[in-house]
Amino acid sequence: MKSPAEIAVKYESVGKGKTELNALKTFLLGILAGAYIALGGLGSQIASCTAADPSSARMISSVVFPIGLFMVLVGGAELFTGNCLIIIPVLSGKAKLSGMLKNWVLVYFGNMVGGFLIALIASTSHIYSFANNALAEAVINTAVAKANISFSDGLLRGILCNVLVCLAVWCSFSADEVAGKVLALWLPVMLFIICGFEHCVANMYFIPAGMLTSAIYGLPADGLSLFGFFVTNLIPVTIGNIIGGSVCVGAMYYAIYLKK
């Protein structure tokens, strides 16, 4: 197992490589990551929609949802929230700030495309009719709740979420074998789902899924709108995710292990 200091050195190289990747490849890998996270979200919704109580539903979801990050890290894709760690090679001078920002923009919108595509396919193929439309109702309720979150709640939950997501990525670098990586990434992601934190890339699936399901199934979705998606949710959650991943994890570990 690699020590935290060894992980920091390794991520310097990995993060630098991300900033130098071809723009088209970066965008395509972003689409894949968005789709993988969305599939994890879809699976978690199916598994938990008929749970007896909210606590059981969250626990069931937390077991399934990390499959998305597993596919990102082991299968190979570019996830915006995980890439907040690119601040490490930027602070150490190994990568350029412009390269990090280019990566973030391309990956962010790639993730959005991937999440929307899974929401579109799932809704139009009537996957949400599962359990006599119980899944459809759960999908809409989730989207409505997320699209009406307060700015402060979205920001703070976004910070805590990406602390755990980036710790999952960080811890996965401690292992060289797949089994070790899986265990390392699974536990922090489980915790963020149990706690109900906010992940901007997951929300790129959850909210469009609710909007499409409402339209296709003719079910009410009061308070669900594009404004709620982009402004009410994505803006504060994305800012929170950047703070949590780049400042609380990336910059902190740089200061501890790499700053001369």
Protein backbone atom coordinates (compact mmCIF):
# COMPACT_ATOMS: atom_id res chain seq x y z
CA MET A 1 0.00 0.00 0.00
CA LYS A 2 1.26 3.48 -0.87
CA SER A 3 1.63 6.04 1.90
CA PRO A 4 -0.15 9.41 1.67
CA ALA A 5 3.15 11.07 0.76
CA GLU A 6 3.62 8.58 -2.10
CA ILE A 7 0.05 9.17 -3.27
CA ALA A 8 0.72 12.92 -3.42
CA VAL A 9 3.79 12.39 -5.62
CA LYS A 10 1.89 9.97 -7.85
CA TYR A 11 -1.03 12.34 -8.30
CA GLU A 12 1.34 15.13 -9.33
CA SER A 13 2.15 13.08 -12.42
CA VAL A 14 -1.41 11.84 -13.02
CA GLY A 15 -2.92 15.31 -12.67
CA LYS A 16 -0.32 16.84 -14.97
CA GLY A 17 -1.21 14.23 -17.60
CA LYS A 18 -4.87 15.15 -17.36
CA THR A 19 -4.12 18.79 -18.20
CA GLU A 20 -2.16 17.76 -21.29
CA LEU A 21 -4.75 15.36 -22.72
CA ASN A 22 -6.23 16.10 -26.15
CA ALA A 23 -9.39 18.25 -25.89
CA LEU A 24 -11.62 15.82 -27.82
CA LYS A 25 -10.46 12.84 -25.80
CA THR A 26 -11.00 14.79 -22.58
CA PHE A 27 -14.56 15.65 -23.59
CA LEU A 28 -15.35 12.07 -24.64
CA LEU A 29 -13.93 10.70 -21.40
CA GLY A 30 -16.09 13.26 -19.62
CA ILE A 31 -19.18 11.90 -21.37
CA LEU A 32 -18.26 8.40 -20.24
CA ALA A 33 -17.79 9.49 -16.63
CA GLY A 34 -21.13 11.31 -16.62
CA ALA A 35 -22.83 8.20 -17.97
CA TYR A 36 -21.11 5.92 -15.44
CA ILE A 37 -22.12 8.10 -12.49
CA ALA A 38 -25.67 8.29 -13.91
CA LEU A 39 -25.85 4.51 -14.20
CA GLY A 40 -24.77 4.24 -10.57
CA GLY A 41 -27.48 6.73 -9.68
CA LEU A 42 -30.09 4.86 -11.71
CA GLY A 43 -29.18 1.56 -10.09
CA SER A 44 -29.33 3.10 -6.62
CA GLN A 45 -32.81 4.50 -7.35
CA ILE A 46 -34.11 1.15 -8.58
CA ALA A 47 -32.67 -0.68 -5.58
CA SER A 48 -34.08 1.71 -3.00
CA CYS A 49 -37.41 2.95 -4.40
CA THR A 50 -39.54 0.43 -2.47
CA ALA A 51 -37.56 0.50 0.79
CA ALA A 52 -39.63 0.46 3.95
CA ASP A 53 -38.27 3.75 5.33
CA PRO A 54 -35.97 6.64 4.30
CA SER A 55 -33.01 5.37 6.33
CA SER A 56 -33.16 1.95 4.68
CA ALA A 57 -33.48 3.61 1.27
CA ARG A 58 -30.32 5.65 1.83
CA MET A 59 -28.40 2.65 3.08
CA ILE A 60 -29.40 0.58 0.04
CA SER A 61 -28.56 3.46 -2.30
CA SER A 62 -25.16 3.90 -0.68
CA VAL A 63 -24.20 0.31 -1.47
CA VAL A 64 -25.10 0.59 -5.17
CA PHE A 65 -24.16 4.17 -6.11
CA PRO A 66 -20.34 3.73 -5.78
CA ILE A 67 -20.44 1.38 -8.79
CA GLY A 68 -20.40 4.56 -10.89
CA LEU A 69 -17.11 5.80 -9.44
CA PHE A 70 -15.69 2.28 -9.69
CA MET A 71 -16.34 2.35 -13.46
CA VAL A 72 -14.80 5.82 -13.72
CA LEU A 73 -11.56 4.94 -11.92
CA VAL A 74 -11.06 1.38 -13.11
CA GLY A 75 -12.69 1.63 -16.55
CA GLY A 76 -11.07 4.97 -17.30
CA ALA A 77 -12.97 8.27 -17.58
CA GLU A 78 -12.74 11.92 -16.56
CA LEU A 79 -14.92 13.08 -13.66
CA PHE A 80 -15.13 16.79 -12.82
CA THR A 81 -15.40 16.32 -9.07
CA GLY A 82 -12.42 13.97 -8.90
CA ASN A 83 -10.41 16.27 -11.15
CA CYS A 84 -10.61 19.01 -8.53
CA LEU A 85 -7.45 17.27 -7.25
CA ILE A 86 -5.58 18.65 -10.28
CA ILE A 87 -4.91 21.63 -8.04
CA ILE A 88 -2.08 19.51 -6.57
CA PRO A 89 0.24 19.59 -9.62
CA VAL A 90 -0.80 23.20 -10.29
CA LEU A 91 0.32 24.30 -6.82
CA SER A 92 3.55 22.32 -7.12
CA GLY A 93 4.32 23.95 -10.48
CA LYS A 94 4.12 20.72 -12.48
CA ALA A 95 0.94 21.75 -14.35
CA LYS A 96 -0.46 25.04 -15.63
CA LEU A 97 -3.53 26.74 -14.19
CA SER A 98 -4.86 27.19 -17.73
CA GLY A 99 -4.55 23.45 -18.32
CA MET A 100 -6.52 22.68 -15.18
CA LEU A 101 -9.29 25.13 -16.12
CA LYS A 102 -9.49 23.73 -19.66
CA ASN A 103 -9.81 20.23 -18.23
CA TRP A 104 -12.50 21.31 -15.80
CA VAL A 105 -14.63 23.01 -18.47
CA LEU A 106 -14.39 20.16 -20.99
CA VAL A 107 -14.99 17.48 -18.38
CA TYR A 108 -17.86 19.37 -16.70
CA PHE A 109 -19.86 19.68 -19.91
CA GLY A 110 -18.90 16.17 -20.99
CA ASN A 111 -20.22 14.87 -17.67
CA MET A 112 -23.44 16.81 -18.26
CA VAL A 113 -23.93 15.22 -21.69
CA GLY A 114 -23.33 11.73 -20.28
CA GLY A 115 -25.75 12.21 -17.40
CA PHE A 116 -28.47 13.59 -19.66
CA LEU A 117 -28.10 10.74 -22.15
CA ILE A 118 -28.67 8.12 -19.45
CA ALA A 119 -31.67 10.08 -18.12
CA LEU A 120 -33.09 10.28 -21.65
CA ILE A 121 -32.59 6.59 -22.41
CA ALA A 122 -33.96 5.47 -19.05
CA SER A 123 -37.07 7.65 -19.29
CA THR A 124 -37.92 6.93 -22.92
CA SER A 125 -37.40 3.17 -22.48
CA HIS A 126 -39.83 3.27 -19.52
CA ILE A 127 -37.38 1.84 -17.01
CA TYR A 128 -39.01 4.15 -14.47
CA SER A 129 -42.30 2.18 -14.66
CA PHE A 130 -40.68 -0.30 -12.25
CA ALA A 131 -42.83 -1.30 -9.25
CA ASN A 132 -46.05 0.18 -10.65
CA ASN A 133 -44.45 3.59 -11.22
CA ALA A 134 -43.05 3.75 -7.68
CA LEU A 135 -39.64 4.33 -9.25
CA ALA A 136 -41.00 7.14 -11.45
CA GLU A 137 -42.46 8.89 -8.41
CA ALA A 138 -39.20 8.49 -6.48
CA VAL A 139 -37.18 9.88 -9.40
CA ILE A 140 -39.44 12.94 -9.63
CA ASN A 141 -39.42 13.53 -5.87
CA THR A 142 -35.62 13.40 -5.81
CA ALA A 143 -35.38 15.91 -8.65
CA VAL A 144 -37.90 18.29 -7.05
CA ALA A 145 -36.04 18.26 -3.74
CA LYS A 146 -32.70 18.96 -5.42
CA ALA A 147 -34.08 21.72 -7.67
CA ASN A 148 -35.46 23.60 -4.65
CA ILE A 149 -32.47 23.44 -2.34
CA SER A 150 -31.28 26.68 -0.72
CA PHE A 151 -27.98 28.20 -1.85
CA SER A 152 -26.31 27.68 1.52
CA ASP A 153 -27.48 24.06 1.79
CA GLY A 154 -26.28 23.30 -1.74
CA LEU A 155 -22.92 24.96 -1.12
CA LEU A 156 -22.21 23.27 2.22
CA ARG A 157 -23.46 19.85 1.15
CA GLY A 158 -21.37 20.23 -2.00
CA ILE A 159 -18.24 20.93 0.05
CA LEU A 160 -18.73 17.87 2.25
CA CYS A 161 -19.63 15.70 -0.73
CA ASN A 162 -16.45 16.38 -2.65
CA VAL A 163 -14.26 16.04 0.39
CA LEU A 164 -15.46 12.43 0.45
CA VAL A 165 -15.37 11.89 -3.33
CA CYS A 166 -11.81 13.21 -3.60
CA LEU A 167 -10.82 11.14 -0.59
CA ALA A 168 -12.26 8.14 -2.42
CA VAL A 169 -10.09 8.95 -5.46
CA TRP A 170 -7.09 9.68 -3.23
CA CYS A 171 -7.47 6.44 -1.26
CA SER A 172 -7.87 4.40 -4.45
CA PHE A 173 -4.36 5.51 -5.43
CA SER A 174 -3.02 3.75 -2.35
CA ALA A 175 -3.71 0.34 -3.92
CA ASP A 176 -2.13 -1.25 -6.99
CA GLU A 177 -4.68 -4.06 -7.41
CA VAL A 178 -8.33 -3.68 -8.42
CA ALA A 179 -9.71 -5.26 -5.24
CA GLY A 180 -7.87 -2.76 -3.07
CA LYS A 181 -8.98 0.18 -5.22
CA VAL A 182 -12.60 -0.94 -5.03
CA LEU A 183 -12.59 -1.16 -1.24
CA ALA A 184 -10.77 2.16 -0.90
CA LEU A 185 -13.19 4.12 -3.09
CA TRP A 186 -16.40 2.42 -1.96
CA LEU A 187 -16.47 3.47 1.69
CA PRO A 188 -16.16 7.30 1.33
CA VAL A 189 -18.79 7.32 -1.45
CA MET A 190 -21.14 5.21 0.67
CA LEU A 191 -20.79 7.77 3.42
CA PHE A 192 -21.64 10.73 1.19
CA ILE A 193 -24.83 9.02 -0.01
CA ILE A 194 -25.89 8.08 3.52
CA CYS A 195 -25.36 11.68 4.64
CA GLY A 196 -27.33 13.14 1.71
CA PHE A 197 -24.58 15.39 0.37
CA GLU A 198 -24.76 17.05 -3.08
CA HIS A 199 -22.68 15.95 -6.09
CA CYS A 200 -22.97 18.17 -9.17
CA VAL A 201 -22.30 15.38 -11.69
CA ALA A 202 -24.83 13.03 -10.10
CA ASN A 203 -27.35 15.91 -10.18
CA MET A 204 -26.73 16.21 -13.94
CA TYR A 205 -28.57 12.89 -14.07
CA PHE A 206 -31.00 13.09 -11.14
CA ILE A 207 -32.69 16.38 -12.07
CA PRO A 208 -33.05 15.83 -15.85
CA ALA A 209 -34.33 12.31 -15.08
CA GLY A 210 -37.09 13.81 -12.93
CA MET A 211 -37.99 16.40 -15.57
CA LEU A 212 -38.16 13.84 -18.38
CA THR A 213 -40.07 11.34 -16.26
CA SER A 214 -42.66 13.96 -15.33
CA ALA A 215 -43.17 14.85 -18.99
CA ILE A 216 -43.29 11.28 -20.32
CA TYR A 217 -45.37 9.74 -17.52
CA GLY A 218 -47.65 12.74 -17.01
CA LEU A 219 -46.84 12.89 -13.31
CA PRO A 220 -46.80 16.22 -11.41
CA ALA A 221 -43.44 17.80 -10.54
CA ASP A 222 -44.24 21.07 -8.80
CA GLY A 223 -41.27 23.40 -8.58
CA LEU A 224 -39.14 21.47 -11.08
CA SER A 225 -37.64 23.72 -13.75
CA LEU A 226 -34.53 24.46 -15.76
CA PHE A 227 -33.89 27.42 -13.47
CA GLY A 228 -34.01 25.10 -10.48
CA PHE A 229 -31.62 22.72 -12.23
CA PHE A 230 -28.97 25.15 -13.46
CA VAL A 231 -29.21 28.08 -11.02
CA THR A 232 -30.70 26.83 -7.78
CA ASN A 233 -28.79 23.54 -7.71
CA LEU A 234 -25.81 23.33 -10.03
CA ILE A 235 -24.26 26.72 -9.24
CA PRO A 236 -23.97 26.37 -5.44
CA VAL A 237 -23.27 22.63 -5.56
CA THR A 238 -20.52 23.05 -8.16
CA ILE A 239 -18.89 25.85 -6.15
CA GLY A 240 -19.10 23.67 -3.04
CA ASN A 241 -17.63 20.69 -4.87
CA ILE A 242 -14.68 22.80 -6.05
CA ILE A 243 -14.01 24.09 -2.53
CA GLY A 244 -14.31 20.64 -1.00
CA GLY A 245 -12.10 18.90 -3.55
CA SER A 246 -9.53 21.57 -4.41
CA VAL A 247 -9.14 23.39 -1.10
CA CYS A 248 -10.10 20.95 1.64
CA VAL A 249 -8.41 17.91 0.08
CA GLY A 250 -6.07 18.89 -2.77
CA ALA A 251 -4.50 22.03 -1.36
CA MET A 252 -4.38 20.55 2.13
CA TYR A 253 -2.46 17.46 1.04
CA TYR A 254 -0.17 19.59 -1.14
CA ALA A 255 0.68 21.76 1.86
CA ILE A 256 1.34 18.71 4.04
CA TYR A 257 3.28 16.46 1.68
CA LEU A 258 4.64 18.48 -1.25
CA LYS A 259 5.16 22.12 -0.26
CA LYS A 260 8.85 22.77 0.21
